[in-house]
N, C-alpha and C. Protein backbone atom coordinates (compact mmCIF):
# COMPACT_ATOMS: atom_id res chain seq x y z
N UNK A 1 -50.96 38.47 44.77
CA UNK A 1 -51.87 38.87 44.01
C UNK A 1 -53.26 39.16 44.12
N UNK A 2 -54.46 40.49 44.15
CA UNK A 2 -55.24 40.38 43.53
C UNK A 2 -56.31 39.70 42.71
N UNK A 3 -56.79 38.94 42.57
CA UNK A 3 -57.49 38.38 41.70
C UNK A 3 -58.04 39.13 40.92
N UNK A 4 -57.91 40.21 40.49
CA UNK A 4 -58.95 41.68 39.84
C UNK A 4 -57.95 42.22 38.86
N UNK A 5 -58.52 43.06 37.70
CA UNK A 5 -58.29 43.26 36.64
C UNK A 5 -58.79 45.21 36.61
N UNK A 6 -57.87 45.95 37.24
CA UNK A 6 -57.66 47.08 37.33
C UNK A 6 -57.80 48.02 35.42
N UNK A 7 -58.36 48.15 34.88
CA UNK A 7 -58.77 48.94 34.12
C UNK A 7 -59.68 50.55 34.15
N UNK A 8 -58.27 51.30 32.95
CA UNK A 8 -59.51 52.97 33.16
C UNK A 8 -59.91 52.75 31.66
N UNK A 9 -61.59 53.28 32.34
CA UNK A 9 -62.76 53.34 31.44
C UNK A 9 -63.43 54.44 32.47
N UNK A 10 -64.38 55.41 31.48
CA UNK A 10 -65.43 56.23 31.36
C UNK A 10 -64.95 56.58 32.48
N UNK A 11 -63.50 57.74 32.45
CA UNK A 11 -63.24 58.63 33.32
C UNK A 11 -62.47 58.03 34.28
N UNK A 12 -62.70 56.78 35.23
CA UNK A 12 -62.86 56.04 36.21
C UNK A 12 -62.11 54.81 35.79
N UNK A 13 -61.62 54.19 37.04
CA UNK A 13 -61.21 52.58 37.13
C UNK A 13 -61.96 51.69 36.45
N UNK A 14 -62.61 50.78 35.93
CA UNK A 14 -62.85 49.90 35.79
C UNK A 14 -62.19 48.57 37.25
N UNK A 15 -63.42 47.83 37.59
CA UNK A 15 -62.17 46.67 37.66
C UNK A 15 -63.10 45.61 37.81
N UNK A 16 -62.56 44.17 37.51
CA UNK A 16 -63.69 42.51 37.18
C UNK A 16 -62.23 41.98 38.88
N UNK A 17 -63.56 41.77 39.20
CA UNK A 17 -62.76 40.93 40.31
C UNK A 17 -63.23 38.92 39.92
N UNK A 18 -62.00 38.13 39.95
CA UNK A 18 -62.19 36.90 39.55
C UNK A 18 -62.86 36.39 40.86
N UNK A 19 -63.09 36.49 42.15
CA UNK A 19 -63.40 35.78 43.26
C UNK A 19 -65.18 35.80 43.50
N UNK A 20 -65.17 37.12 43.36
CA UNK A 20 -67.07 37.72 43.44
C UNK A 20 -67.74 37.72 42.05
N UNK A 21 -66.66 37.29 40.95
CA UNK A 21 -67.63 37.70 39.39
C UNK A 21 -68.35 39.35 39.41
N UNK A 22 -67.43 39.98 40.04
CA UNK A 22 -67.93 41.18 39.98
C UNK A 22 -67.40 42.46 39.33
N UNK A 23 -68.26 43.32 38.69
CA UNK A 23 -67.64 44.54 37.44
C UNK A 23 -67.54 45.24 37.82
N UNK A 24 -67.34 46.25 36.78
CA UNK A 24 -67.33 47.70 38.00
C UNK A 24 -67.15 48.47 36.11
N UNK A 25 -68.01 49.71 35.67
CA UNK A 25 -67.13 49.97 34.80
C UNK A 25 -67.73 49.55 33.55
N UNK A 26 -68.48 49.00 33.04
CA UNK A 26 -68.39 47.97 32.01
C UNK A 26 -66.63 47.35 31.52
N UNK A 27 -65.68 46.76 32.24
CA UNK A 27 -65.17 46.36 32.27
C UNK A 27 -65.31 44.65 32.74
N UNK A 28 -64.50 43.42 31.71
CA UNK A 28 -65.19 42.20 31.69
C UNK A 28 -63.68 40.94 32.13
N UNK A 29 -63.63 40.06 32.05
CA UNK A 29 -62.72 39.39 32.58
C UNK A 29 -61.79 39.06 31.45
N UNK A 30 -61.99 39.34 30.17
CA UNK A 30 -61.52 39.62 28.57
C UNK A 30 -60.80 40.79 28.58
N UNK A 31 -59.35 41.03 29.03
CA UNK A 31 -58.24 42.34 28.76
C UNK A 31 -58.84 42.42 27.24
N UNK A 32 -59.25 43.57 26.30
CA UNK A 32 -58.72 43.76 24.87
C UNK A 32 -56.99 44.09 24.63
N UNK A 33 -56.61 43.74 23.32
CA UNK A 33 -55.25 43.64 23.01
C UNK A 33 -55.28 45.12 22.64
N UNK A 34 -53.56 44.88 23.37
CA UNK A 34 -52.75 46.22 23.52
C UNK A 34 -53.88 47.38 24.71
N UNK A 35 -54.91 46.84 25.91
CA UNK A 35 -55.03 47.25 26.56
C UNK A 35 -53.87 47.45 27.73
N UNK A 36 -54.08 48.84 28.18
CA UNK A 36 -52.55 48.52 30.03
C UNK A 36 -53.81 48.05 30.53
N UNK A 37 -53.43 48.01 31.73
CA UNK A 37 -54.19 47.02 32.83
C UNK A 37 -53.00 47.31 34.64
N UNK A 38 -53.67 47.33 35.23
CA UNK A 38 -52.88 47.63 36.31
C UNK A 38 -53.11 45.99 37.75
N UNK A 39 -51.56 45.68 38.41
CA UNK A 39 -51.87 44.59 39.07
C UNK A 39 -51.70 45.34 40.56
N UNK A 40 -52.39 44.67 42.18
CA UNK A 40 -52.07 45.07 42.96
C UNK A 40 -51.51 43.80 43.88
N UNK A 41 -50.27 44.05 43.91
CA UNK A 41 -49.85 43.12 44.80
C UNK A 41 -49.54 43.12 45.78
N UNK A 42 -49.37 42.31 47.08
CA UNK A 42 -49.17 42.49 48.20
C UNK A 42 -47.61 41.90 49.14
N UNK A 43 -47.06 41.48 48.11
CA UNK A 43 -46.17 40.16 48.18
C UNK A 43 -45.46 41.46 46.53
N UNK A 44 -43.91 39.93 46.10
CA UNK A 44 -43.36 40.21 45.01
C UNK A 44 -44.11 39.20 44.15
N UNK A 45 -45.02 38.90 43.69
CA UNK A 45 -45.77 37.78 42.32
C UNK A 45 -44.77 37.35 41.44
N UNK A 46 -44.90 36.72 40.53
CA UNK A 46 -44.74 36.69 39.57
C UNK A 46 -46.04 35.98 38.56
N UNK A 47 -46.21 37.06 37.58
CA UNK A 47 -47.47 37.20 36.71
C UNK A 47 -46.88 36.97 35.36
N UNK A 48 -47.15 36.15 35.35
CA UNK A 48 -47.31 34.80 33.55
C UNK A 48 -48.64 34.90 32.53
N UNK A 49 -48.49 35.55 31.54
CA UNK A 49 -49.78 35.27 30.33
C UNK A 49 -49.31 34.73 29.46
N UNK A 50 -49.91 33.33 29.06
CA UNK A 50 -49.20 32.73 27.83
C UNK A 50 -49.80 32.28 26.91
N UNK A 51 -49.48 32.45 25.60
CA UNK A 51 -50.02 32.80 24.80
C UNK A 51 -51.29 31.81 24.19
N UNK A 52 -51.40 30.82 24.91
CA UNK A 52 -53.02 29.79 25.79
C UNK A 52 -53.91 30.96 25.57
N UNK A 53 -53.57 32.05 26.75
CA UNK A 53 -54.48 33.03 27.35
C UNK A 53 -55.24 34.17 26.68
N UNK A 54 -54.30 34.19 24.87
CA UNK A 54 -55.12 35.37 24.34
C UNK A 54 -56.55 34.65 23.76
N UNK A 55 -57.05 35.23 23.60
CA UNK A 55 -58.31 35.43 22.63
C UNK A 55 -58.64 35.70 21.90
N UNK A 56 -59.41 35.96 20.31
CA UNK A 56 -60.35 36.63 19.86
C UNK A 56 -61.46 37.24 19.86
N UNK A 57 -62.17 36.39 20.77
CA UNK A 57 -63.53 36.71 21.10
C UNK A 57 -63.71 38.28 22.17
N UNK A 58 -64.53 38.82 22.09
CA UNK A 58 -64.66 39.92 22.73
C UNK A 58 -66.39 39.31 23.57
N UNK A 59 -66.13 38.48 23.75
CA UNK A 59 -67.37 38.28 24.17
C UNK A 59 -66.77 37.24 25.58
N UNK A 60 -67.65 37.74 26.86
CA UNK A 60 -66.75 37.80 28.28
C UNK A 60 -67.44 36.78 28.61
N UNK A 61 -66.97 35.47 29.30
CA UNK A 61 -67.09 34.40 29.72
C UNK A 61 -67.46 34.66 31.14
N UNK A 62 -68.62 34.28 32.28
CA UNK A 62 -68.19 34.47 33.10
C UNK A 62 -68.84 33.01 33.98
N UNK A 63 -67.99 32.47 34.83
CA UNK A 63 -68.00 31.66 35.09
C UNK A 63 -68.85 31.27 36.99
N UNK A 64 -70.02 30.64 36.63
CA UNK A 64 -71.30 30.16 37.85
C UNK A 64 -70.32 29.90 38.97
N UNK A 65 -70.44 31.00 39.45
CA UNK A 65 -69.64 30.64 41.27
C UNK A 65 -70.63 29.82 42.40
N UNK A 66 -69.64 29.32 43.13
CA UNK A 66 -69.58 28.12 43.38
C UNK A 66 -70.21 28.75 45.39
N UNK A 67 -71.13 30.00 44.97
CA UNK A 67 -71.89 30.16 45.83
C UNK A 67 -73.10 31.32 45.99
N UNK A 68 -74.25 31.23 46.70
CA UNK A 68 -74.98 32.62 46.21
C UNK A 68 -74.59 33.42 46.55
N UNK A 69 -74.55 34.51 45.55
CA UNK A 69 -73.69 35.91 45.56
C UNK A 69 -75.14 36.71 45.66
N UNK A 70 -75.33 37.78 47.25
CA UNK A 70 -75.67 39.00 46.61
C UNK A 70 -75.23 40.14 46.59
N UNK A 71 -75.31 41.25 45.61
CA UNK A 71 -74.66 42.70 45.63
C UNK A 71 -75.68 43.30 45.43
N UNK A 72 -74.84 44.11 45.44
CA UNK A 72 -75.68 45.89 45.47
C UNK A 72 -74.40 46.87 44.77
N UNK A 73 -75.13 47.12 43.61
CA UNK A 73 -73.80 47.71 42.43
C UNK A 73 -74.56 49.20 42.47
N UNK A 74 -73.50 50.29 42.72
CA UNK A 74 -74.52 51.26 42.77
C UNK A 74 -72.95 52.49 41.71
N UNK A 75 -74.19 53.18 40.76
CA UNK A 75 -73.33 54.24 39.71
C UNK A 75 -73.70 55.60 39.98
N UNK A 76 -72.94 56.52 40.10
CA UNK A 76 -73.09 57.56 39.91
C UNK A 76 -72.49 58.76 38.74
N UNK A 77 -72.73 59.30 38.75
CA UNK A 77 -73.35 60.29 37.66
C UNK A 77 -74.08 61.86 37.11
N UNK A 78 -73.86 62.01 35.45
CA UNK A 78 -74.72 63.60 36.17
C UNK A 78 -74.38 64.03 34.98
N UNK A 79 -75.04 65.06 34.49
CA UNK A 79 -75.57 65.93 33.09
C UNK A 79 -74.05 66.57 32.67
N UNK A 80 -73.03 66.79 33.86
CA UNK A 80 -72.21 67.58 33.28
C UNK A 80 -71.06 67.40 32.56
N UNK A 81 -70.54 65.81 32.26
CA UNK A 81 -70.43 65.04 31.55
C UNK A 81 -70.05 63.95 31.22
N UNK A 82 -69.15 63.35 30.62
CA UNK A 82 -69.83 61.80 30.24
C UNK A 82 -69.59 60.89 31.02
N UNK A 83 -69.08 61.42 32.80
CA UNK A 83 -67.75 60.24 33.30
C UNK A 83 -68.21 60.07 34.39
N UNK A 84 -68.26 58.44 34.68
CA UNK A 84 -69.27 57.56 35.48
C UNK A 84 -68.60 56.87 36.91
N UNK A 85 -69.17 56.25 37.86
CA UNK A 85 -67.90 55.29 38.39
C UNK A 85 -69.19 54.60 39.35
N UNK A 86 -68.85 53.34 39.05
CA UNK A 86 -68.96 52.42 39.66
C UNK A 86 -68.47 51.74 41.24
N UNK A 87 -69.39 51.32 42.47
CA UNK A 87 -69.26 51.19 43.85
C UNK A 87 -70.08 49.41 43.82
N UNK A 88 -69.67 48.38 44.12
CA UNK A 88 -70.42 47.09 44.36
C UNK A 88 -69.97 46.69 45.84
N UNK A 89 -71.39 46.13 47.11
CA UNK A 89 -71.27 46.12 47.80
C UNK A 89 -71.84 44.30 47.68
N UNK A 90 -70.76 43.13 47.77
CA UNK A 90 -71.14 41.99 47.65
C UNK A 90 -71.29 40.97 49.10
N UNK A 91 -72.25 41.02 49.19
CA UNK A 91 -72.69 39.74 50.83
C UNK A 91 -71.99 38.55 50.53
N UNK A 92 -70.73 37.73 50.50
CA UNK A 92 -70.55 36.83 50.55
C UNK A 92 -70.21 35.33 51.86
N UNK A 93 -69.98 34.60 51.85
CA UNK A 93 -70.22 33.73 53.90
C UNK A 93 -68.68 33.91 53.84
N UNK A 94 -67.50 34.03 53.39
CA UNK A 94 -65.95 34.06 54.20
C UNK A 94 -65.39 35.39 53.87
N UNK A 95 -66.17 36.65 53.58
CA UNK A 95 -66.25 37.68 54.13
C UNK A 95 -65.36 38.12 55.20
N UNK A 96 -64.99 39.01 55.34
CA UNK A 96 -64.53 39.88 56.93
C UNK A 96 -65.04 41.36 56.39
N UNK A 97 -65.34 41.83 57.91
CA UNK A 97 -66.22 43.63 58.01
C UNK A 97 -64.50 43.99 57.50
N UNK A 98 -63.72 44.04 58.16
CA UNK A 98 -62.06 44.67 57.93
C UNK A 98 -61.55 43.76 55.55
N UNK A 99 -61.31 45.31 55.68
CA UNK A 99 -60.54 44.92 54.23
C UNK A 99 -60.04 43.62 53.89
N UNK A 100 -60.13 42.60 52.67
CA UNK A 100 -58.97 42.22 52.60
C UNK A 100 -58.63 41.39 51.46
N UNK A 101 -57.16 41.71 51.26
CA UNK A 101 -56.72 42.03 50.07
C UNK A 101 -57.30 40.49 48.63
N UNK A 102 -57.76 39.52 49.44
CA UNK A 102 -58.38 38.42 48.71
C UNK A 102 -59.47 38.45 48.01
N UNK A 103 -60.74 39.72 48.70
CA UNK A 103 -62.03 39.16 48.03
C UNK A 103 -62.57 40.83 48.33
N UNK A 104 -61.31 41.86 48.51
CA UNK A 104 -61.72 43.22 48.20
C UNK A 104 -61.01 43.72 47.28
N UNK A 105 -61.43 44.97 46.65
CA UNK A 105 -60.62 45.25 45.71
C UNK A 105 -60.77 47.12 46.22
N UNK A 106 -59.43 47.50 46.54
CA UNK A 106 -58.92 48.50 46.58
C UNK A 106 -60.07 49.68 45.48
N UNK A 107 -60.13 51.30 45.99
CA UNK A 107 -60.36 52.25 45.30
C UNK A 107 -59.66 52.81 44.21
N UNK A 108 -59.24 52.76 43.23
CA UNK A 108 -58.18 53.36 42.03
C UNK A 108 -58.80 54.89 41.68
N UNK A 109 -58.68 56.36 42.57
CA UNK A 109 -59.74 57.58 41.82
C UNK A 109 -58.75 57.38 40.71
N UNK A 110 -60.05 58.37 39.46
CA UNK A 110 -60.48 58.92 38.28
C UNK A 110 -58.64 59.73 38.32
N UNK A 111 -58.27 59.70 37.15
CA UNK A 111 -56.92 60.37 36.68
C UNK A 111 -57.94 61.69 36.43
N UNK A 112 -59.02 61.95 35.80
CA UNK A 112 -59.65 62.36 35.57
C UNK A 112 -59.88 64.19 36.70
N UNK A 113 -60.12 64.67 36.14
CA UNK A 113 -60.04 65.60 37.52
C UNK A 113 -61.65 65.96 37.90
N UNK A 114 -62.24 66.07 36.61
CA UNK A 114 -63.58 66.39 36.82
C UNK A 114 -64.19 65.08 36.91
N UNK A 115 -63.97 63.68 37.10
CA UNK A 115 -65.01 62.66 37.06
C UNK A 115 -65.29 62.73 38.20
N UNK A 116 -66.76 62.04 38.61
CA UNK A 116 -66.70 61.38 39.82
C UNK A 116 -66.46 60.53 40.18
N UNK A 117 -65.88 60.17 41.88
CA UNK A 117 -65.45 58.95 42.74
C UNK A 117 -66.66 57.84 43.42
N UNK A 118 -66.66 56.47 43.36
CA UNK A 118 -67.75 56.59 44.34
C UNK A 118 -67.00 55.48 44.88
N UNK A 119 -67.57 54.78 46.10
CA UNK A 119 -66.51 54.05 47.27
C UNK A 119 -67.36 53.90 47.81
N UNK A 120 -67.24 52.67 48.51
CA UNK A 120 -67.99 52.35 50.44
C UNK A 120 -65.81 52.23 51.19
N UNK A 121 -66.69 52.38 52.26
CA UNK A 121 -65.01 52.63 53.00
C UNK A 121 -65.31 51.11 53.71
N UNK A 122 -63.94 50.39 54.35
CA UNK A 122 -64.29 48.99 54.88
C UNK A 122 -64.36 48.77 56.75
N UNK A 123 -64.57 48.16 57.33
CA UNK A 123 -64.84 48.77 58.82
C UNK A 123 -63.29 49.62 59.11
N UNK A 124 -61.96 48.83 58.98
CA UNK A 124 -60.62 49.72 58.86
C UNK A 124 -60.34 50.63 57.84
N UNK A 125 -61.80 51.27 57.28
CA UNK A 125 -61.09 52.75 56.69
C UNK A 125 -60.47 52.35 55.10
N UNK A 126 -60.83 51.42 54.70
CA UNK A 126 -59.91 51.60 53.06
C UNK A 126 -61.07 51.31 52.51
N UNK A 127 -60.27 52.68 50.89
CA UNK A 127 -61.41 52.94 50.35
C UNK A 127 -61.33 51.52 48.92
N UNK A 128 -62.81 51.28 49.03
CA UNK A 128 -63.13 50.04 48.28
C UNK A 128 -63.83 50.41 46.84
N UNK A 129 -63.68 49.99 46.16
CA UNK A 129 -64.97 49.51 44.85
C UNK A 129 -65.69 48.48 44.76
N UNK A 130 -65.11 47.18 44.88
CA UNK A 130 -65.57 45.89 45.68
C UNK A 130 -65.21 45.65 47.14
N UNK A 131 -66.53 45.53 47.90
CA UNK A 131 -66.29 45.44 49.38
C UNK A 131 -67.46 44.29 49.91
N UNK A 132 -66.46 43.34 50.26
CA UNK A 132 -67.40 42.13 50.73
C UNK A 132 -67.79 41.42 51.94
N UNK A 133 -68.89 41.54 52.03
CA UNK A 133 -69.48 41.17 53.47
C UNK A 133 -70.00 40.56 53.64
N UNK A 134 -69.81 40.22 55.05
CA UNK A 134 -69.73 39.11 55.46
C UNK A 134 -71.44 38.81 55.29
N UNK A 135 -72.28 37.82 54.90
CA UNK A 135 -73.50 37.32 54.80
C UNK A 135 -74.42 37.04 55.55
N UNK A 136 -73.82 37.12 56.46
CA UNK A 136 -74.38 36.36 57.80
C UNK A 136 -75.29 37.84 59.03
N UNK A 137 -74.82 39.23 58.82
CA UNK A 137 -74.37 40.12 59.54
C UNK A 137 -76.07 40.11 59.74
N UNK A 138 -77.10 40.89 60.47
CA UNK A 138 -77.93 40.60 61.10
C UNK A 138 -78.62 42.70 60.74
N UNK A 139 -77.34 43.23 60.89
CA UNK A 139 -77.42 45.03 60.95
C UNK A 139 -76.20 45.91 60.58
N UNK A 140 -75.65 46.30 59.56
CA UNK A 140 -75.35 46.28 59.04
C UNK A 140 -75.07 47.82 58.69
N UNK A 141 -73.80 48.89 58.52
CA UNK A 141 -73.94 49.85 58.33
C UNK A 141 -72.57 49.97 57.57
N UNK A 142 -72.31 50.43 56.03
CA UNK A 142 -71.58 50.55 55.08
C UNK A 142 -71.41 51.96 54.39
N UNK A 143 -69.97 52.48 55.01
CA UNK A 143 -69.82 53.98 54.37
C UNK A 143 -70.12 54.21 53.15
N UNK A 144 -70.42 55.06 52.20
CA UNK A 144 -70.56 55.06 50.98
C UNK A 144 -70.03 56.56 51.06
N UNK A 145 -68.41 56.89 50.18
CA UNK A 145 -68.28 57.95 50.14
C UNK A 145 -68.89 59.15 48.36
N UNK A 146 -69.04 59.57 47.95
CA UNK A 146 -68.62 60.36 45.91
C UNK A 146 -68.36 61.69 46.51
N UNK A 147 -67.29 61.78 45.76
CA UNK A 147 -66.21 63.21 45.37
C UNK A 147 -66.41 63.14 44.02
N UNK A 148 -66.41 64.33 44.18
CA UNK A 148 -66.24 65.28 42.81
C UNK A 148 -65.78 66.55 42.66
N UNK A 149 -65.23 66.38 40.82
CA UNK A 149 -64.43 67.45 40.96
C UNK A 149 -65.06 68.83 40.32
N UNK A 150 -66.20 68.50 39.80
CA UNK A 150 -66.92 69.74 39.04
C UNK A 150 -68.34 69.99 40.15
N UNK A 151 -68.61 71.15 40.86
CA UNK A 151 -70.01 71.29 41.56
C UNK A 151 -70.68 70.77 40.12
N UNK A 152 -71.94 70.79 41.22
CA UNK A 152 -73.46 70.29 40.49
C UNK A 152 -74.22 68.95 41.13
N UNK A 153 -75.14 68.21 40.40
CA UNK A 153 -76.24 67.95 40.61
C UNK A 153 -75.22 66.67 40.03
N UNK A 154 -75.73 65.19 40.71
CA UNK A 154 -75.18 63.73 41.02
C UNK A 154 -76.34 63.43 41.19
N UNK A 155 -76.35 62.17 40.40
CA UNK A 155 -77.59 61.15 41.10
C UNK A 155 -76.68 59.84 41.42
N UNK A 156 -77.02 59.57 42.28
CA UNK A 156 -76.47 57.65 42.39
C UNK A 156 -77.52 57.13 42.11
N UNK A 157 -77.72 55.55 41.19
CA UNK A 157 -78.25 54.74 40.70
C UNK A 157 -77.86 53.18 41.50
N UNK A 158 -79.08 52.41 41.68
CA UNK A 158 -78.35 50.96 42.04
C UNK A 158 -78.40 50.76 40.30
N UNK A 159 -77.82 49.77 40.31
CA UNK A 159 -77.34 48.91 39.21
C UNK A 159 -77.92 47.36 39.47
């Protein structure tokens, strides 16, 4: 099971990744009460949420990492509508260039046909919202894709 929270927001899916402590589209490590969420499983795991896991706070707690994280966060948006999307590349020691279910997070394209989608691709062509790359590479090329459902002018920001 991924160490991530997938949450529908901003017309796209937001992700919080507990390993890299990265998030997109304003999602945090706290799932609001009554909010649906998705889990990506690579086997048949059991998910247990105990009463003690509940919180009354809306303030996010982000634990300090055990490694130095360098990241590039990109956002795509336009004046056409209020939808936006984000993608993150994180450079960390234990990453691989191929997709890795332990540290990368797969892209879930928006269910809104007019919302833009942005993602990078791993070296084995897996679409990723959070893409972890080894931090010791001298040269790296990271494919970036933006898909839009409505023609117009879009901007990509580094955030």
